[in-house]
Protein backbone atom coordinates (compact mmCIF):
# COMPACT_ATOMS: atom_id res chain seq x y z
CA UNK A 1 12.12 100.86 85.49
CA UNK A 2 15.49 101.76 87.02
CA UNK A 3 17.30 99.80 84.36
CA UNK A 4 15.39 101.66 81.66
CA UNK A 5 16.17 105.02 83.30
CA UNK A 6 19.86 104.12 83.50
CA UNK A 7 19.89 103.18 79.81
CA UNK A 8 18.14 106.41 78.83
CA UNK A 9 20.54 108.44 80.95
CA UNK A 10 23.53 106.67 79.38
CA UNK A 11 22.18 107.26 75.88
CA UNK A 12 21.58 110.92 76.70
CA UNK A 13 25.14 111.41 78.01
CA UNK A 14 26.91 109.73 75.08
CA UNK A 15 26.50 112.65 72.66
CA UNK A 16 27.78 115.00 75.35
CA UNK A 17 30.99 113.02 75.75
CA UNK A 18 31.39 113.01 71.97
CA UNK A 19 30.83 116.75 71.86
CA UNK A 20 33.48 117.27 74.52
CA UNK A 21 35.94 115.11 72.59
CA UNK A 22 35.12 116.96 69.37
CA UNK A 23 35.54 120.29 71.14
CA UNK A 24 38.95 119.22 72.39
CA UNK A 25 39.99 118.21 68.87
CA UNK A 26 38.89 121.59 67.53
CA UNK A 27 40.78 123.35 70.31
CA UNK A 28 43.91 121.32 69.61
CA UNK A 29 43.70 122.05 65.91
CA UNK A 30 43.19 125.75 66.56
CA UNK A 31 46.16 125.78 68.94
CA UNK A 32 48.35 124.08 66.33
CA UNK A 33 47.32 126.64 63.72
CA UNK A 34 48.06 129.52 66.09
CA UNK A 35 51.46 128.02 66.92
CA UNK A 36 52.20 127.65 63.21
CA UNK A 37 51.26 131.27 62.54
CA UNK A 38 53.39 132.44 65.47
CA UNK A 39 56.38 130.54 64.10
CA UNK A 40 55.83 132.09 60.67
CA UNK A 41 55.71 135.52 62.28
CA UNK A 42 58.92 134.88 64.22
CA UNK A 43 60.65 133.71 61.04
CA UNK A 44 59.47 136.79 59.16
CA UNK A 45 60.78 139.04 61.94
CA UNK A 46 64.12 137.23 61.96
CA UNK A 47 64.35 137.58 58.17
CA UNK A 48 63.69 141.32 58.43
CA UNK A 49 66.31 141.65 61.17
CA UNK A 50 68.84 139.81 58.98
CA UNK A 51 68.05 142.09 56.03
CA UNK A 52 68.46 145.15 58.24
CA UNK A 53 71.78 143.97 59.61
CA UNK A 54 73.05 143.22 56.10
CA UNK A 55 72.00 146.67 54.95
CA UNK A 56 73.75 148.28 57.91
CA UNK A 57 76.92 146.28 57.24
CA UNK A 58 76.83 147.35 53.58
CA UNK A 59 76.38 151.01 54.58
CA UNK A 60 79.28 150.78 57.04
CA UNK A 61 81.49 149.20 54.38
CA UNK A 62 80.55 151.93 51.89
CA UNK A 63 81.23 154.64 54.46
CA UNK A 64 84.63 153.12 55.28
CA UNK A 65 85.46 153.01 51.57
CA UNK A 66 84.49 156.67 51.16
CA UNK A 67 86.57 157.68 54.19
CA UNK A 68 89.54 155.68 52.90
CA UNK A 69 89.21 157.29 49.49
CA UNK A 70 88.99 160.72 51.11
CA UNK A 71 92.15 160.05 53.12
CA UNK A 72 93.97 158.91 49.98
CA UNK A 73 92.83 162.00 48.09
CA UNK A 74 93.90 164.26 50.96
CA UNK A 75 97.34 162.61 51.10
CA UNK A 76 97.80 163.04 47.35
CA UNK A 77 96.75 166.67 47.59
CA UNK A 78 99.13 167.25 50.52
CA UNK A 79 102.00 165.61 48.61
CA UNK A 80 101.22 167.70 45.54
CA UNK A 81 101.25 170.90 47.56
CA UNK A 82 104.43 169.90 49.39
CA UNK A 83 106.14 169.00 46.14
CA UNK A 84 105.02 172.17 44.37
CA UNK A 85 106.36 174.41 47.14
CA UNK A 86 109.96 173.14 46.79
């Protein structure tokens, strides 16, 4: 009778151990998917940061060009006025 009870108990516990193992596999898979999505998000953020920095650099370059052109125009105007007054 004890042997039979032990066998029944063992048979009853086997599906539980399988369920635990299956649950762990599902948890691992879910964790991997979350990690993958987090990495994608980080990459997207880094890409946006790079785009923003490039845009800022372009704006700075354009502003420097406009300032340089303004200085050149002002020098030409000053030379013209100085030359016309003589």
